[in-house]
Amino acid sequence: TLPELKVEICSACHPFYTGKQKLIDSARRVEKFQARMDAKAKVSAYRKGKKVKRLAKTKARAKRTEKK
């Protein structure tokens, strides 16, 4: 083991201690992620969820069985 380690992290500048987030963007990763999240939000705005579809399907089945 080394008696002393020198690191570039201190409580004055590290985001964990300051509460400020620093984004280091290499290869546009942040923009790509943001674009994926925006696309997902657009799709989910008009798309029905599984529970809604399943509920509609069971209601339709119930109506068909009542008619018979």
PDB file of N, CA and C in Angstrom:
ATOM      1  N   THR A   1       0.836  -1.194   0.000  1.00  0.00           N
ATOM      2  CA  THR A   1       0.000   0.000   0.000  1.00  0.00           C
ATOM      3  C   THR A   1       0.873   1.247   0.000  1.00  0.00           C
ATOM      4  N   LEU A   2       0.299   2.275  -0.522  1.00  0.00           N
ATOM      5  CA  LEU A   2       1.011   3.547  -0.554  1.00  0.00           C
ATOM      6  C   LEU A   2       0.677   4.345   0.699  1.00  0.00           C
ATOM      7  N   PRO A   3       1.629   5.070   1.211  1.00  0.00           N
ATOM      8  CA  PRO A   3       1.349   5.859   2.417  1.00  0.00           C
ATOM      9  C   PRO A   3       0.405   7.033   2.149  1.00  0.00           C
ATOM     10  N   GLU A   4       0.414   7.527   0.920  1.00  0.00           N
ATOM     11  CA  GLU A   4      -0.415   8.689   0.612  1.00  0.00           C
ATOM     12  C   GLU A   4      -0.900   8.603  -0.834  1.00  0.00           C
ATOM     13  N   LEU A   5      -2.175   8.855  -1.040  1.00  0.00           N
ATOM     14  CA  LEU A   5      -2.761   8.880  -2.377  1.00  0.00           C
ATOM     15  C   LEU A   5      -3.213  10.297  -2.688  1.00  0.00           C
ATOM     16  N   LYS A   6      -2.901  10.758  -3.872  1.00  0.00           N
ATOM     17  CA  LYS A   6      -3.345  12.088  -4.284  1.00  0.00           C
ATOM     18  C   LYS A   6      -4.457  11.913  -5.303  1.00  0.00           C
ATOM     19  N   VAL A   7      -5.611  12.473  -5.003  1.00  0.00           N
ATOM     20  CA  VAL A   7      -6.761  12.402  -5.895  1.00  0.00           C
ATOM     21  C   VAL A   7      -7.247  13.815  -6.193  1.00  0.00           C
ATOM     22  N   GLU A   8      -8.012  13.937  -7.270  1.00  0.00           N
ATOM     23  CA  GLU A   8      -8.511  15.248  -7.675  1.00  0.00           C
ATOM     24  C   GLU A   8      -9.918  15.509  -7.153  1.00  0.00           C
ATOM     25  N   ILE A   9     -10.335  14.786  -6.167  1.00  0.00           N
ATOM     26  CA  ILE A   9     -11.683  14.927  -5.629  1.00  0.00           C
ATOM     27  C   ILE A   9     -11.601  15.586  -4.260  1.00  0.00           C
ATOM     28  N   CYS A  10     -12.364  16.637  -4.095  1.00  0.00           N
ATOM     29  CA  CYS A  10     -12.434  17.280  -2.783  1.00  0.00           C
ATOM     30  C   CYS A  10     -13.887  17.674  -2.515  1.00  0.00           C
ATOM     31  N   SER A  11     -14.176  17.964  -1.291  1.00  0.00           N
ATOM     32  CA  SER A  11     -15.555  18.294  -0.934  1.00  0.00           C
ATOM     33  C   SER A  11     -15.974  19.661  -1.470  1.00  0.00           C
ATOM     34  N   ALA A  12     -15.034  20.471  -1.895  1.00  0.00           N
ATOM     35  CA  ALA A  12     -15.367  21.794  -2.415  1.00  0.00           C
ATOM     36  C   ALA A  12     -15.823  21.752  -3.870  1.00  0.00           C
ATOM     37  N   CYS A  13     -15.380  20.725  -4.615  1.00  0.00           N
ATOM     38  CA  CYS A  13     -15.701  20.729  -6.041  1.00  0.00           C
ATOM     39  C   CYS A  13     -16.408  19.465  -6.527  1.00  0.00           C
ATOM     40  N   HIS A  14     -16.467  18.422  -5.749  1.00  0.00           N
ATOM     41  CA  HIS A  14     -17.090  17.183  -6.208  1.00  0.00           C
ATOM     42  C   HIS A  14     -18.611  17.340  -6.234  1.00  0.00           C
ATOM     43  N   PRO A  15     -19.280  16.884  -7.316  1.00  0.00           N
ATOM     44  CA  PRO A  15     -20.742  17.049  -7.435  1.00  0.00           C
ATOM     45  C   PRO A  15     -21.530  16.391  -6.306  1.00  0.00           C
ATOM     46  N   PHE A  16     -21.018  15.317  -5.736  1.00  0.00           N
ATOM     47  CA  PHE A  16     -21.726  14.663  -4.632  1.00  0.00           C
ATOM     48  C   PHE A  16     -21.853  15.603  -3.441  1.00  0.00           C
ATOM     49  N   TYR A  17     -20.820  16.365  -3.167  1.00  0.00           N
ATOM     50  CA  TYR A  17     -20.827  17.267  -2.019  1.00  0.00           C
ATOM     51  C   TYR A  17     -21.478  18.605  -2.332  1.00  0.00           C
ATOM     52  N   THR A  18     -21.306  19.099  -3.550  1.00  0.00           N
ATOM     53  CA  THR A  18     -21.839  20.417  -3.885  1.00  0.00           C
ATOM     54  C   THR A  18     -23.295  20.374  -4.309  1.00  0.00           C
ATOM     55  N   GLY A  19     -23.754  19.217  -4.800  1.00  0.00           N
ATOM     56  CA  GLY A  19     -25.127  19.103  -5.265  1.00  0.00           C
ATOM     57  C   GLY A  19     -25.311  19.587  -6.691  1.00  0.00           C
ATOM     58  N   LYS A  20     -24.243  19.984  -7.344  1.00  0.00           N
ATOM     59  CA  LYS A  20     -24.306  20.439  -8.731  1.00  0.00           C
ATOM     60  C   LYS A  20     -23.871  19.300  -9.634  1.00  0.00           C
ATOM     61  N   GLN A  21     -24.628  19.092 -10.692  1.00  0.00           N
ATOM     62  CA  GLN A  21     -24.331  17.999 -11.605  1.00  0.00           C
ATOM     63  C   GLN A  21     -23.524  18.519 -12.787  1.00  0.00           C
ATOM     64  N   LYS A  22     -22.444  17.840 -13.079  1.00  0.00           N
ATOM     65  CA  LYS A  22     -21.636  18.174 -14.248  1.00  0.00           C
ATOM     66  C   LYS A  22     -21.773  17.034 -15.241  1.00  0.00           C
ATOM     67  N   LEU A  23     -22.121  17.363 -16.454  1.00  0.00           N
ATOM     68  CA  LEU A  23     -22.233  16.349 -17.494  1.00  0.00           C
ATOM     69  C   LEU A  23     -21.055  16.483 -18.445  1.00  0.00           C
ATOM     70  N   ILE A  24     -20.262  15.447 -18.502  1.00  0.00           N
ATOM     71  CA  ILE A  24     -19.164  15.409 -19.456  1.00  0.00           C
ATOM     72  C   ILE A  24     -19.651  14.572 -20.621  1.00  0.00           C
ATOM     73  N   ASP A  25     -19.798  15.202 -21.743  1.00  0.00           N
ATOM     74  CA  ASP A  25     -20.384  14.536 -22.898  1.00  0.00           C
ATOM     75  C   ASP A  25     -19.292  14.081 -23.854  1.00  0.00           C
ATOM     76  N   SER A  26     -19.141  12.800 -23.943  1.00  0.00           N
ATOM     77  CA  SER A  26     -18.198  12.255 -24.917  1.00  0.00           C
ATOM     78  C   SER A  26     -19.009  11.481 -25.943  1.00  0.00           C
ATOM     79  N   ALA A  27     -18.801  11.789 -27.190  1.00  0.00           N
ATOM     80  CA  ALA A  27     -19.486  11.130 -28.308  1.00  0.00           C
ATOM     81  C   ALA A  27     -20.989  11.368 -28.284  1.00  0.00           C
ATOM     82  N   ARG A  28     -21.416  12.549 -27.876  1.00  0.00           N
ATOM     83  CA  ARG A  28     -22.830  12.963 -27.881  1.00  0.00           C
ATOM     84  C   ARG A  28     -23.741  12.006 -27.131  1.00  0.00           C
ATOM     85  N   ARG A  29     -23.287  11.397 -26.104  1.00  0.00           N
ATOM     86  CA  ARG A  29     -24.095  10.418 -25.378  1.00  0.00           C
ATOM     87  C   ARG A  29     -25.302  11.067 -24.706  1.00  0.00           C
ATOM     88  N   VAL A  30     -25.114  12.244 -24.163  1.00  0.00           N
ATOM     89  CA  VAL A  30     -26.219  12.920 -23.478  1.00  0.00           C
ATOM     90  C   VAL A  30     -27.307  13.295 -24.480  1.00  0.00           C
ATOM     91  N   GLU A  31     -26.909  13.828 -25.639  1.00  0.00           N
ATOM     92  CA  GLU A  31     -27.902  14.205 -26.650  1.00  0.00           C
ATOM     93  C   GLU A  31     -28.635  12.980 -27.185  1.00  0.00           C
ATOM     94  N   LYS A  32     -27.905  11.890 -27.386  1.00  0.00           N
ATOM     95  CA  LYS A  32     -28.540  10.664 -27.873  1.00  0.00           C
ATOM     96  C   LYS A  32     -29.550  10.144 -26.854  1.00  0.00           C
ATOM     97  N   PHE A  33     -29.160  10.163 -25.595  1.00  0.00           N
ATOM     98  CA  PHE A  33     -30.064   9.713 -24.541  1.00  0.00           C
ATOM     99  C   PHE A  33     -31.297  10.606 -24.484  1.00  0.00           C
ATOM    100  N   GLN A  34     -31.097  11.908 -24.552  1.00  0.00           N
ATOM    101  CA  GLN A  34     -32.217  12.850 -24.500  1.00  0.00           C
ATOM    102  C   GLN A  34     -33.144  12.644 -25.690  1.00  0.00           C
ATOM    103  N   ALA A  35     -32.583  12.373 -26.869  1.00  0.00           N
ATOM    104  CA  ALA A  35     -33.402  12.135 -28.057  1.00  0.00           C
ATOM    105  C   ALA A  35     -34.237  10.873 -27.889  1.00  0.00           C
ATOM    106  N   ARG A  36     -33.650   9.827 -27.307  1.00  0.00           N
ATOM    107  CA  ARG A  36     -34.407   8.591 -27.076  1.00  0.00           C
ATOM    108  C   ARG A  36     -35.544   8.829 -26.093  1.00  0.00           C
ATOM    109  N   MET A  37     -35.296   9.581 -25.042  1.00  0.00           N
ATOM    110  CA  MET A  37     -36.335   9.852 -24.051  1.00  0.00           C
ATOM    111  C   MET A  37     -37.447  10.710 -24.650  1.00  0.00           C
ATOM    112  N   ASP A  38     -37.100  11.668 -25.499  1.00  0.00           N
ATOM    113  CA  ASP A  38     -38.117  12.496 -26.157  1.00  0.00           C
ATOM    114  C   ASP A  38     -38.978  11.656 -27.093  1.00  0.00           C
ATOM    115  N   ALA A  39     -38.351  10.764 -27.846  1.00  0.00           N
ATOM    116  CA  ALA A  39     -39.095   9.891 -28.755  1.00  0.00           C
ATOM    117  C   ALA A  39     -40.024   8.973 -27.975  1.00  0.00           C
ATOM    118  N   LYS A  40     -39.552   8.469 -26.862  1.00  0.00           N
ATOM    119  CA  LYS A  40     -40.370   7.589 -26.027  1.00  0.00           C
ATOM    120  C   LYS A  40     -41.573   8.346 -25.467  1.00  0.00           C
ATOM    121  N   ALA A  41     -41.366   9.595 -25.073  1.00  0.00           N
ATOM    122  CA  ALA A  41     -42.462  10.400 -24.540  1.00  0.00           C
ATOM    123  C   ALA A  41     -43.510  10.677 -25.616  1.00  0.00           C
ATOM    124  N   LYS A  42     -43.064  10.935 -26.843  1.00  0.00           N
ATOM    125  CA  LYS A  42     -44.009  11.188 -27.938  1.00  0.00           C
ATOM    126  C   LYS A  42     -44.857   9.957 -28.223  1.00  0.00           C
ATOM    127  N   VAL A  43     -44.230   8.801 -28.259  1.00  0.00           N
ATOM    128  CA  VAL A  43     -44.944   7.559 -28.557  1.00  0.00           C
ATOM    129  C   VAL A  43     -45.922   7.230 -27.442  1.00  0.00           C
ATOM    130  N   SER A  44     -45.501   7.410 -26.207  1.00  0.00           N
ATOM    131  CA  SER A  44     -46.370   7.049 -25.092  1.00  0.00           C
ATOM    132  C   SER A  44     -47.562   7.993 -24.964  1.00  0.00           C
ATOM    133  N   ALA A  45     -47.502   9.155 -25.593  1.00  0.00           N
ATOM    134  CA  ALA A  45     -48.610  10.102 -25.516  1.00  0.00           C
ATOM    135  C   ALA A  45     -49.852   9.570 -26.227  1.00  0.00           C
ATOM    136  N   TYR A  46     -49.666   8.854 -27.330  1.00  0.00           N
ATOM    137  CA  TYR A  46     -50.825   8.363 -28.069  1.00  0.00           C
ATOM    138  C   TYR A  46     -51.001   6.860 -27.976  1.00  0.00           C
ATOM    139  N   ARG A  47     -50.094   6.188 -27.343  1.00  0.00           N
ATOM    140  CA  ARG A  47     -50.145   4.740 -27.264  1.00  0.00           C
ATOM    141  C   ARG A  47     -50.842   4.287 -25.987  1.00  0.00           C
ATOM    142  N   LYS A  48     -51.662   3.268 -26.090  1.00  0.00           N
ATOM    143  CA  LYS A  48     -52.345   2.738 -24.922  1.00  0.00           C
ATOM    144  C   LYS A  48     -51.430   1.769 -24.197  1.00  0.00           C
ATOM    145  N   GLY A  49     -51.636   1.635 -22.928  1.00  0.00           N
ATOM    146  CA  GLY A  49     -50.842   0.703 -22.149  1.00  0.00           C
ATOM    147  C   GLY A  49     -51.413  -0.699 -22.205  1.00  0.00           C
ATOM    148  N   LYS A  50     -50.649  -1.648 -21.705  1.00  0.00           N
ATOM    149  CA  LYS A  50     -51.081  -3.045 -21.712  1.00  0.00           C
ATOM    150  C   LYS A  50     -52.343  -3.243 -20.881  1.00  0.00           C
ATOM    151  N   LYS A  51     -52.398  -2.590 -19.727  1.00  0.00           N
ATOM    152  CA  LYS A  51     -53.553  -2.772 -18.847  1.00  0.00           C
ATOM    153  C   LYS A  51     -54.832  -2.276 -19.506  1.00  0.00           C
ATOM    154  N   VAL A  52     -54.747  -1.161 -20.209  1.00  0.00           N
ATOM    155  CA  VAL A  52     -55.922  -0.596 -20.875  1.00  0.00           C
ATOM    156  C   VAL A  52     -56.383  -1.532 -21.983  1.00  0.00           C
ATOM    157  N   LYS A  53     -55.428  -2.043 -22.759  1.00  0.00           N
ATOM    158  CA  LYS A  53     -55.776  -2.964 -23.846  1.00  0.00           C
ATOM    159  C   LYS A  53     -56.390  -4.243 -23.296  1.00  0.00           C
ATOM    160  N   ARG A  54     -55.801  -4.775 -22.245  1.00  0.00           N
ATOM    161  CA  ARG A  54     -56.294  -6.021 -21.663  1.00  0.00           C
ATOM    162  C   ARG A  54     -57.698  -5.831 -21.089  1.00  0.00           C
ATOM    163  N   LEU A  55     -57.947  -4.694 -20.452  1.00  0.00           N
ATOM    164  CA  LEU A  55     -59.264  -4.408 -19.894  1.00  0.00           C
ATOM    165  C   LEU A  55     -60.308  -4.306 -21.002  1.00  0.00           C
ATOM    166  N   ALA A  56     -59.961  -3.648 -22.097  1.00  0.00           N
ATOM    167  CA  ALA A  56     -60.888  -3.526 -23.223  1.00  0.00           C
ATOM    168  C   ALA A  56     -61.191  -4.892 -23.823  1.00  0.00           C
ATOM    169  N   LYS A  57     -60.188  -5.736 -23.887  1.00  0.00           N
ATOM    170  CA  LYS A  57     -60.368  -7.072 -24.448  1.00  0.00           C
ATOM    171  C   LYS A  57     -61.305  -7.909 -23.575  1.00  0.00           C
ATOM    172  N   THR A  58     -61.127  -7.836 -22.265  1.00  0.00           N
ATOM    173  CA  THR A  58     -61.991  -8.615 -21.373  1.00  0.00           C
ATOM    174  C   THR A  58     -63.421  -8.088 -21.397  1.00  0.00           C
ATOM    175  N   LYS A  59     -63.592  -6.784 -21.537  1.00  0.00           N
ATOM    176  CA  LYS A  59     -64.943  -6.221 -21.640  1.00  0.00           C
ATOM    177  C   LYS A  59     -65.625  -6.693 -22.917  1.00  0.00           C
ATOM    178  N   ALA A  60     -64.872  -6.740 -24.007  1.00  0.00           N
ATOM    179  CA  ALA A  60     -65.427  -7.205 -25.280  1.00  0.00           C
ATOM    180  C   ALA A  60     -65.825  -8.673 -25.181  1.00  0.00           C
ATOM    181  N   ARG A  61     -65.012  -9.469 -24.530  1.00  0.00           N
ATOM    182  CA  ARG A  61     -65.343 -10.887 -24.345  1.00  0.00           C
ATOM    183  C   ARG A  61     -66.593 -11.048 -23.493  1.00  0.00           C
ATOM    184  N   ALA A  62     -66.708 -10.232 -22.457  1.00  0.00           N
ATOM    185  CA  ALA A  62     -67.866 -10.311 -21.576  1.00  0.00           C
ATOM    186  C   ALA A  62     -69.145  -9.968 -22.339  1.00  0.00           C
ATOM    187  N   LYS A  63     -69.079  -8.976 -23.208  1.00  0.00           N
ATOM    188  CA  LYS A  63     -70.251  -8.605 -24.004  1.00  0.00           C
ATOM    189  C   LYS A  63     -70.657  -9.732 -24.942  1.00  0.00           C
ATOM    190  N   ARG A  64     -69.666 -10.386 -25.555  1.00  0.00           N
ATOM    191  CA  ARG A  64     -69.966 -11.485 -26.475  1.00  0.00           C
ATOM    192  C   ARG A  64     -70.602 -12.659 -25.743  1.00  0.00           C
ATOM    193  N   THR A  65     -70.131 -12.956 -24.545  1.00  0.00           N
ATOM    194  CA  THR A  65     -70.696 -14.086 -23.804  1.00  0.00           C
ATOM    195  C   THR A  65     -72.092 -13.762 -23.287  1.00  0.00           C
ATOM    196  N   GLU A  66     -72.374 -12.482 -23.002  1.00  0.00           N
ATOM    197  CA  GLU A  66     -73.710 -12.093 -22.541  1.00  0.00           C
ATOM    198  C   GLU A  66     -74.739 -12.232 -23.665  1.00  0.00           C
ATOM    199  N   LYS A  67     -74.328 -11.968 -24.885  1.00  0.00           N
ATOM    200  CA  LYS A  67     -75.243 -12.047 -26.021  1.00  0.00           C
ATOM    201  C   LYS A  67     -75.666 -13.477 -26.312  1.00  0.00           C
ATOM    202  N   LYS A  68     -74.799 -14.440 -26.022  1.00  0.00           N
ATOM    203  CA  LYS A  68     -75.108 -15.846 -26.315  1.00  0.00           C
ATOM    204  C   LYS A  68     -76.056 -16.429 -25.354  1.00  0.00           C
TER     205      LYS A  68
END
